[in-house]
Amino acid sequence: MRKPVIKTDNEKSQGASVVMRQFSKRVSGSGILRAARGNRYHTRPQSELGKKRGALKRQEKRKLIQKLLKLGKPIPVRGKRR
């Protein structure tokens, strides 16, 4: 992906605040920040092998819970519950 270049020229000794305002307007208008914020929490899709392994883990946990219920033992709780 090509990185966009945003330039602002300081003409006739403009103040720093004017140049910063121009730059901010151009950045917000270009959509760079929106794209960056959108990509911040992007996660990779899970692979087929990962899906299979997760399904096997869930099946094993279900079997364990059913066995503990039949025996009348307490079910282990993961993490803190409020």
PDB file of N, CA and C in Angstrom:
ATOM      1  N   MET A   1       0.835  -1.178   0.000  1.00  0.00           N
ATOM      2  CA  MET A   1       0.000   0.000   0.000  1.00  0.00           C
ATOM      3  C   MET A   1       0.879   1.239   0.000  1.00  0.00           C
ATOM      4  N   ARG A   2       0.554   2.176  -0.841  1.00  0.00           N
ATOM      5  CA  ARG A   2       1.322   3.399  -0.949  1.00  0.00           C
ATOM      6  C   ARG A   2       0.944   4.349   0.180  1.00  0.00           C
ATOM      7  N   LYS A   3       1.928   4.901   0.841  1.00  0.00           N
ATOM      8  CA  LYS A   3       1.659   5.826   1.931  1.00  0.00           C
ATOM      9  C   LYS A   3       1.419   7.222   1.355  1.00  0.00           C
ATOM     10  N   PRO A   4       0.326   7.865   1.746  1.00  0.00           N
ATOM     11  CA  PRO A   4       0.044   9.199   1.225  1.00  0.00           C
ATOM     12  C   PRO A   4       0.975  10.242   1.828  1.00  0.00           C
ATOM     13  N   VAL A   5       1.282  11.244   1.046  1.00  0.00           N
ATOM     14  CA  VAL A   5       2.143  12.327   1.505  1.00  0.00           C
ATOM     15  C   VAL A   5       1.303  13.594   1.569  1.00  0.00           C
ATOM     16  N   ILE A   6       1.302  14.239   2.710  1.00  0.00           N
ATOM     17  CA  ILE A   6       0.544  15.471   2.891  1.00  0.00           C
ATOM     18  C   ILE A   6       1.540  16.591   3.151  1.00  0.00           C
ATOM     19  N   LYS A   7       1.463  17.601   2.304  1.00  0.00           N
ATOM     20  CA  LYS A   7       2.401  18.718   2.428  1.00  0.00           C
ATOM     21  C   LYS A   7       1.634  20.013   2.660  1.00  0.00           C
ATOM     22  N   THR A   8       2.225  20.870   3.475  1.00  0.00           N
ATOM     23  CA  THR A   8       1.710  22.224   3.647  1.00  0.00           C
ATOM     24  C   THR A   8       2.892  23.165   3.488  1.00  0.00           C
ATOM     25  N   ASP A   9       2.688  24.234   2.735  1.00  0.00           N
ATOM     26  CA  ASP A   9       3.759  25.199   2.495  1.00  0.00           C
ATOM     27  C   ASP A   9       3.555  26.423   3.378  1.00  0.00           C
ATOM     28  N   ASN A  10       4.641  26.881   3.929  1.00  0.00           N
ATOM     29  CA  ASN A  10       4.607  28.070   4.768  1.00  0.00           C
ATOM     30  C   ASN A  10       4.853  29.279   3.858  1.00  0.00           C
ATOM     31  N   GLU A  11       3.764  29.914   3.429  1.00  0.00           N
ATOM     32  CA  GLU A  11       3.887  31.043   2.499  1.00  0.00           C
ATOM     33  C   GLU A  11       3.853  32.372   3.245  1.00  0.00           C
ATOM     34  N   LYS A  12       4.733  33.243   2.872  1.00  0.00           N
ATOM     35  CA  LYS A  12       4.781  34.624   3.384  1.00  0.00           C
ATOM     36  C   LYS A  12       4.780  34.671   4.910  1.00  0.00           C
ATOM     37  N   SER A  13       5.620  33.891   5.477  1.00  0.00           N
ATOM     38  CA  SER A  13       5.828  33.838   6.928  1.00  0.00           C
ATOM     39  C   SER A  13       4.520  33.719   7.707  1.00  0.00           C
ATOM     40  N   GLN A  14       3.741  32.695   7.376  1.00  0.00           N
ATOM     41  CA  GLN A  14       2.524  32.411   8.128  1.00  0.00           C
ATOM     42  C   GLN A  14       2.906  31.905   9.512  1.00  0.00           C
ATOM     43  N   GLY A  15       2.033  32.084  10.441  1.00  0.00           N
ATOM     44  CA  GLY A  15       2.294  31.609  11.792  1.00  0.00           C
ATOM     45  C   GLY A  15       2.228  30.091  11.858  1.00  0.00           C
ATOM     46  N   ALA A  16       2.813  29.530  12.900  1.00  0.00           N
ATOM     47  CA  ALA A  16       2.833  28.075  13.064  1.00  0.00           C
ATOM     48  C   ALA A  16       1.420  27.530  13.255  1.00  0.00           C
ATOM     49  N   SER A  17       0.565  28.299  13.909  1.00  0.00           N
ATOM     50  CA  SER A  17      -0.800  27.828  14.140  1.00  0.00           C
ATOM     51  C   SER A  17      -1.569  27.699  12.823  1.00  0.00           C
ATOM     52  N   VAL A  18      -1.317  28.598  11.873  1.00  0.00           N
ATOM     53  CA  VAL A  18      -1.998  28.534  10.579  1.00  0.00           C
ATOM     54  C   VAL A  18      -1.544  27.288   9.818  1.00  0.00           C
ATOM     55  N   VAL A  19      -0.253  27.030   9.836  1.00  0.00           N
ATOM     56  CA  VAL A  19       0.287  25.859   9.128  1.00  0.00           C
ATOM     57  C   VAL A  19      -0.245  24.578   9.775  1.00  0.00           C
ATOM     58  N   MET A  20      -0.306  24.543  11.104  1.00  0.00           N
ATOM     59  CA  MET A  20      -0.825  23.360  11.798  1.00  0.00           C
ATOM     60  C   MET A  20      -2.297  23.138  11.476  1.00  0.00           C
ATOM     61  N   ARG A  21      -3.072  24.214  11.401  1.00  0.00           N
ATOM     62  CA  ARG A  21      -4.488  24.100  11.076  1.00  0.00           C
ATOM     63  C   ARG A  21      -4.667  23.548   9.653  1.00  0.00           C
ATOM     64  N   GLN A  22      -3.860  24.046   8.715  1.00  0.00           N
ATOM     65  CA  GLN A  22      -3.928  23.542   7.336  1.00  0.00           C
ATOM     66  C   GLN A  22      -3.584  22.052   7.294  1.00  0.00           C
ATOM     67  N   PHE A  23      -2.533  21.691   7.993  1.00  0.00           N
ATOM     68  CA  PHE A  23      -2.112  20.290   8.006  1.00  0.00           C
ATOM     69  C   PHE A  23      -3.199  19.400   8.609  1.00  0.00           C
ATOM     70  N   SER A  24      -3.777  19.837   9.726  1.00  0.00           N
ATOM     71  CA  SER A  24      -4.825  19.046  10.381  1.00  0.00           C
ATOM     72  C   SER A  24      -6.029  18.859   9.469  1.00  0.00           C
ATOM     73  N   LYS A  25      -6.421  19.918   8.755  1.00  0.00           N
ATOM     74  CA  LYS A  25      -7.560  19.821   7.845  1.00  0.00           C
ATOM     75  C   LYS A  25      -7.266  18.837   6.713  1.00  0.00           C
ATOM     76  N   ARG A  26      -6.054  18.888   6.178  1.00  0.00           N
ATOM     77  CA  ARG A  26      -5.696  17.983   5.078  1.00  0.00           C
ATOM     78  C   ARG A  26      -5.626  16.529   5.537  1.00  0.00           C
ATOM     79  N   VAL A  27      -5.116  16.314   6.739  1.00  0.00           N
ATOM     80  CA  VAL A  27      -5.041  14.952   7.263  1.00  0.00           C
ATOM     81  C   VAL A  27      -6.438  14.402   7.495  1.00  0.00           C
ATOM     82  N   SER A  28      -7.320  15.203   8.111  1.00  0.00           N
ATOM     83  CA  SER A  28      -8.669  14.710   8.381  1.00  0.00           C
ATOM     84  C   SER A  28      -9.461  14.527   7.094  1.00  0.00           C
ATOM     85  N   GLY A  29      -9.210  15.356   6.112  1.00  0.00           N
ATOM     86  CA  GLY A  29      -9.908  15.229   4.835  1.00  0.00           C
ATOM     87  C   GLY A  29      -9.440  14.052   4.012  1.00  0.00           C
ATOM     88  N   SER A  30      -8.197  13.630   4.201  1.00  0.00           N
ATOM     89  CA  SER A  30      -7.651  12.549   3.382  1.00  0.00           C
ATOM     90  C   SER A  30      -8.139  11.173   3.833  1.00  0.00           C
ATOM     91  N   GLY A  31      -8.605  11.032   5.078  1.00  0.00           N
ATOM     92  CA  GLY A  31      -9.105   9.753   5.569  1.00  0.00           C
ATOM     93  C   GLY A  31      -8.030   8.843   6.126  1.00  0.00           C
ATOM     94  N   ILE A  32      -6.833   9.350   6.317  1.00  0.00           N
ATOM     95  CA  ILE A  32      -5.732   8.526   6.833  1.00  0.00           C
ATOM     96  C   ILE A  32      -6.019   8.088   8.267  1.00  0.00           C
ATOM     97  N   LEU A  33      -6.462   9.021   9.100  1.00  0.00           N
ATOM     98  CA  LEU A  33      -6.714   8.690  10.501  1.00  0.00           C
ATOM     99  C   LEU A  33      -7.845   7.691  10.640  1.00  0.00           C
ATOM    100  N   ARG A  34      -8.889   7.851   9.832  1.00  0.00           N
ATOM    101  CA  ARG A  34     -10.016   6.922   9.907  1.00  0.00           C
ATOM    102  C   ARG A  34      -9.563   5.512   9.550  1.00  0.00           C
ATOM    103  N   ALA A  35      -8.724   5.389   8.525  1.00  0.00           N
ATOM    104  CA  ALA A  35      -8.218   4.069   8.134  1.00  0.00           C
ATOM    105  C   ALA A  35      -7.328   3.483   9.224  1.00  0.00           C
ATOM    106  N   ALA A  36      -6.478   4.305   9.819  1.00  0.00           N
ATOM    107  CA  ALA A  36      -5.573   3.822  10.868  1.00  0.00           C
ATOM    108  C   ALA A  36      -6.355   3.362  12.090  1.00  0.00           C
ATOM    109  N   ARG A  37      -7.383   4.122  12.459  1.00  0.00           N
ATOM    110  CA  ARG A  37      -8.186   3.732  13.617  1.00  0.00           C
ATOM    111  C   ARG A  37      -9.008   2.483  13.325  1.00  0.00           C
ATOM    112  N   GLY A  38      -9.406   2.327  12.074  1.00  0.00           N
ATOM    113  CA  GLY A  38     -10.151   1.136  11.698  1.00  0.00           C
ATOM    114  C   GLY A  38      -9.299  -0.113  11.747  1.00  0.00           C
ATOM    115  N   ASN A  39      -8.008   0.028  11.428  1.00  0.00           N
ATOM    116  CA  ASN A  39      -7.102  -1.114  11.414  1.00  0.00           C
ATOM    117  C   ASN A  39      -6.520  -1.431  12.784  1.00  0.00           C
ATOM    118  N   ARG A  40      -6.772  -0.596  13.766  1.00  0.00           N
ATOM    119  CA  ARG A  40      -6.138  -0.755  15.075  1.00  0.00           C
ATOM    120  C   ARG A  40      -6.467  -2.097  15.727  1.00  0.00           C
ATOM    121  N   TYR A  41      -7.711  -2.518  15.651  1.00  0.00           N
ATOM    122  CA  TYR A  41      -8.125  -3.736  16.336  1.00  0.00           C
ATOM    123  C   TYR A  41      -8.362  -4.887  15.363  1.00  0.00           C
ATOM    124  N   HIS A  42      -7.794  -4.796  14.184  1.00  0.00           N
ATOM    125  CA  HIS A  42      -7.967  -5.857  13.192  1.00  0.00           C
ATOM    126  C   HIS A  42      -7.288  -7.134  13.675  1.00  0.00           C
ATOM    127  N   THR A  43      -7.998  -8.245  13.610  1.00  0.00           N
ATOM    128  CA  THR A  43      -7.414  -9.524  13.982  1.00  0.00           C
ATOM    129  C   THR A  43      -7.470 -10.460  12.795  1.00  0.00           C
ATOM    130  N   ARG A  44      -6.519 -11.327  12.730  1.00  0.00           N
ATOM    131  CA  ARG A  44      -6.433 -12.273  11.629  1.00  0.00           C
ATOM    132  C   ARG A  44      -7.520 -13.331  11.783  1.00  0.00           C
ATOM    133  N   PRO A  45      -8.139 -13.752  10.675  1.00  0.00           N
ATOM    134  CA  PRO A  45      -9.140 -14.816  10.798  1.00  0.00           C
ATOM    135  C   PRO A  45      -8.483 -16.123  11.246  1.00  0.00           C
ATOM    136  N   GLN A  46      -9.225 -16.916  12.007  1.00  0.00           N
ATOM    137  CA  GLN A  46      -8.673 -18.141  12.561  1.00  0.00           C
ATOM    138  C   GLN A  46      -8.502 -19.197  11.461  1.00  0.00           C
ATOM    139  N   SER A  47      -7.411 -19.937  11.514  1.00  0.00           N
ATOM    140  CA  SER A  47      -7.138 -20.967  10.510  1.00  0.00           C
ATOM    141  C   SER A  47      -8.045 -22.181  10.731  1.00  0.00           C
ATOM    142  N   GLU A  48      -8.114 -23.035   9.727  1.00  0.00           N
ATOM    143  CA  GLU A  48      -8.937 -24.242   9.814  1.00  0.00           C
ATOM    144  C   GLU A  48      -8.462 -25.135  10.969  1.00  0.00           C
ATOM    145  N   LEU A  49      -7.136 -25.276  11.095  1.00  0.00           N
ATOM    146  CA  LEU A  49      -6.583 -26.107  12.164  1.00  0.00           C
ATOM    147  C   LEU A  49      -6.931 -25.524  13.530  1.00  0.00           C
ATOM    148  N   GLY A  50      -6.861 -24.194  13.645  1.00  0.00           N
ATOM    149  CA  GLY A  50      -7.218 -23.553  14.912  1.00  0.00           C
ATOM    150  C   GLY A  50      -8.677 -23.778  15.275  1.00  0.00           C
ATOM    151  N   LYS A  51      -9.557 -23.726  14.267  1.00  0.00           N
ATOM    152  CA  LYS A  51     -10.983 -23.972  14.513  1.00  0.00           C
ATOM    153  C   LYS A  51     -11.207 -25.393  15.006  1.00  0.00           C
ATOM    154  N   LYS A  52     -10.521 -26.352  14.387  1.00  0.00           N
ATOM    155  CA  LYS A  52     -10.677 -27.760  14.775  1.00  0.00           C
ATOM    156  C   LYS A  52     -10.182 -27.995  16.194  1.00  0.00           C
ATOM    157  N   ARG A  53      -9.027 -27.410  16.506  1.00  0.00           N
ATOM    158  CA  ARG A  53      -8.481 -27.586  17.855  1.00  0.00           C
ATOM    159  C   ARG A  53      -9.393 -26.969  18.909  1.00  0.00           C
ATOM    160  N   GLY A  54      -9.960 -25.803  18.599  1.00  0.00           N
ATOM    161  CA  GLY A  54     -10.879 -25.165  19.531  1.00  0.00           C
ATOM    162  C   GLY A  54     -12.125 -26.006  19.751  1.00  0.00           C
ATOM    163  N   ALA A  55     -12.639 -26.604  18.662  1.00  0.00           N
ATOM    164  CA  ALA A  55     -13.827 -27.448  18.776  1.00  0.00           C
ATOM    165  C   ALA A  55     -13.530 -28.677  19.632  1.00  0.00           C
ATOM    166  N   LEU A  56     -12.353 -29.268  19.459  1.00  0.00           N
ATOM    167  CA  LEU A  56     -11.974 -30.439  20.267  1.00  0.00           C
ATOM    168  C   LEU A  56     -11.858 -30.076  21.745  1.00  0.00           C
ATOM    169  N   LYS A  57     -11.285 -28.903  22.037  1.00  0.00           N
ATOM    170  CA  LYS A  57     -11.167 -28.470  23.429  1.00  0.00           C
ATOM    171  C   LYS A  57     -12.543 -28.285  24.058  1.00  0.00           C
ATOM    172  N   ARG A  58     -13.463 -27.674  23.293  1.00  0.00           N
ATOM    173  CA  ARG A  58     -14.819 -27.465  23.823  1.00  0.00           C
ATOM    174  C   ARG A  58     -15.512 -28.791  24.084  1.00  0.00           C
ATOM    175  N   GLN A  59     -15.331 -29.767  23.193  1.00  0.00           N
ATOM    176  CA  GLN A  59     -15.940 -31.089  23.383  1.00  0.00           C
ATOM    177  C   GLN A  59     -15.405 -31.756  24.642  1.00  0.00           C
ATOM    178  N   GLU A  60     -14.093 -31.700  24.837  1.00  0.00           N
ATOM    179  CA  GLU A  60     -13.484 -32.323  26.013  1.00  0.00           C
ATOM    180  C   GLU A  60     -13.980 -31.661  27.301  1.00  0.00           C
ATOM    181  N   LYS A  61     -14.091 -30.331  27.270  1.00  0.00           N
ATOM    182  CA  LYS A  61     -14.566 -29.621  28.460  1.00  0.00           C
ATOM    183  C   LYS A  61     -16.017 -30.002  28.760  1.00  0.00           C
ATOM    184  N   ARG A  62     -16.847 -30.114  27.714  1.00  0.00           N
ATOM    185  CA  ARG A  62     -18.244 -30.520  27.902  1.00  0.00           C
ATOM    186  C   ARG A  62     -18.331 -31.901  28.547  1.00  0.00           C
ATOM    187  N   LYS A  63     -17.490 -32.826  28.058  1.00  0.00           N
ATOM    188  CA  LYS A  63     -17.486 -34.187  28.614  1.00  0.00           C
ATOM    189  C   LYS A  63     -17.087 -34.162  30.091  1.00  0.00           C
ATOM    190  N   LEU A  64     -16.074 -33.364  30.416  1.00  0.00           N
ATOM    191  CA  LEU A  64     -15.611 -33.261  31.796  1.00  0.00           C
ATOM    192  C   LEU A  64     -16.711 -32.712  32.701  1.00  0.00           C
ATOM    193  N   ILE A  65     -17.406 -31.669  32.240  1.00  0.00           N
ATOM    194  CA  ILE A  65     -18.466 -31.066  33.050  1.00  0.00           C
ATOM    195  C   ILE A  65     -19.605 -32.055  33.261  1.00  0.00           C
ATOM    196  N   GLN A  66     -19.980 -32.791  32.206  1.00  0.00           N
ATOM    197  CA  GLN A  66     -21.047 -33.785  32.341  1.00  0.00           C
ATOM    198  C   GLN A  66     -20.661 -34.878  33.336  1.00  0.00           C
ATOM    199  N   LYS A  67     -19.393 -35.309  33.288  1.00  0.00           N
ATOM    200  CA  LYS A  67     -18.912 -36.344  34.197  1.00  0.00           C
ATOM    201  C   LYS A  67     -18.957 -35.850  35.643  1.00  0.00           C
ATOM    202  N   LEU A  68     -18.508 -34.583  35.861  1.00  0.00           N
ATOM    203  CA  LEU A  68     -18.520 -34.024  37.210  1.00  0.00           C
ATOM    204  C   LEU A  68     -19.944 -33.870  37.732  1.00  0.00           C
ATOM    205  N   LEU A  69     -20.873 -33.482  36.845  1.00  0.00           N
ATOM    206  CA  LEU A  69     -22.273 -33.355  37.260  1.00  0.00           C
ATOM    207  C   LEU A  69     -22.838 -34.699  37.699  1.00  0.00           C
ATOM    208  N   LYS A  70     -22.522 -35.749  36.950  1.00  0.00           N
ATOM    209  CA  LYS A  70     -23.019 -37.082  37.302  1.00  0.00           C
ATOM    210  C   LYS A  70     -22.471 -37.544  38.644  1.00  0.00           C
ATOM    211  N   LEU A  71     -21.219 -37.177  38.925  1.00  0.00           N
ATOM    212  CA  LEU A  71     -20.599 -37.576  40.184  1.00  0.00           C
ATOM    213  C   LEU A  71     -20.999 -36.658  41.343  1.00  0.00           C
ATOM    214  N   GLY A  72     -21.667 -35.532  41.034  1.00  0.00           N
ATOM    215  CA  GLY A  72     -22.096 -34.610  42.080  1.00  0.00           C
ATOM    216  C   GLY A  72     -20.983 -33.741  42.612  1.00  0.00           C
ATOM    217  N   LYS A  73     -19.946 -33.549  41.827  1.00  0.00           N
ATOM    218  CA  LYS A  73     -18.812 -32.732  42.265  1.00  0.00           C
ATOM    219  C   LYS A  73     -18.970 -31.306  41.725  1.00  0.00           C
ATOM    220  N   PRO A  74     -18.285 -30.343  42.361  1.00  0.00           N
ATOM    221  CA  PRO A  74     -18.397 -28.953  41.890  1.00  0.00           C
ATOM    222  C   PRO A  74     -17.687 -28.766  40.542  1.00  0.00           C
ATOM    223  N   ILE A  75     -18.262 -27.886  39.741  1.00  0.00           N
ATOM    224  CA  ILE A  75     -17.694 -27.586  38.418  1.00  0.00           C
ATOM    225  C   ILE A  75     -16.656 -26.481  38.576  1.00  0.00           C
ATOM    226  N   PRO A  76     -15.443 -26.652  38.024  1.00  0.00           N
ATOM    227  CA  PRO A  76     -14.427 -25.607  38.151  1.00  0.00           C
ATOM    228  C   PRO A  76     -14.845 -24.347  37.391  1.00  0.00           C
ATOM    229  N   VAL A  77     -14.668 -23.196  38.051  1.00  0.00           N
ATOM    230  CA  VAL A  77     -15.041 -21.919  37.452  1.00  0.00           C
ATOM    231  C   VAL A  77     -13.769 -21.198  37.044  1.00  0.00           C
ATOM    232  N   ARG A  78     -13.739 -20.727  35.779  1.00  0.00           N
ATOM    233  CA  ARG A  78     -12.566 -20.034  35.267  1.00  0.00           C
ATOM    234  C   ARG A  78     -12.672 -18.550  35.566  1.00  0.00           C
ATOM    235  N   GLY A  79     -11.660 -17.973  36.199  1.00  0.00           N
ATOM    236  CA  GLY A  79     -11.647 -16.550  36.474  1.00  0.00           C
ATOM    237  C   GLY A  79     -12.530 -16.177  37.643  1.00  0.00           C
ATOM    238  N   LYS A  80     -12.596 -14.880  37.919  1.00  0.00           N
ATOM    239  CA  LYS A  80     -13.405 -14.386  39.032  1.00  0.00           C
ATOM    240  C   LYS A  80     -14.804 -14.078  38.537  1.00  0.00           C
ATOM    241  N   ARG A  81     -15.764 -14.462  39.311  1.00  0.00           N
ATOM    242  CA  ARG A  81     -17.162 -14.126  38.996  1.00  0.00           C
ATOM    243  C   ARG A  81     -17.669 -13.194  40.072  1.00  0.00           C
ATOM    244  N   ARG A  82     -18.412 -12.197  39.667  1.00  0.00           N
ATOM    245  CA  ARG A  82     -18.923 -11.233  40.647  1.00  0.00           C
ATOM    246  C   ARG A  82     -20.392 -11.431  40.827  1.00  0.00           C
TER     247      ARG A  82
END
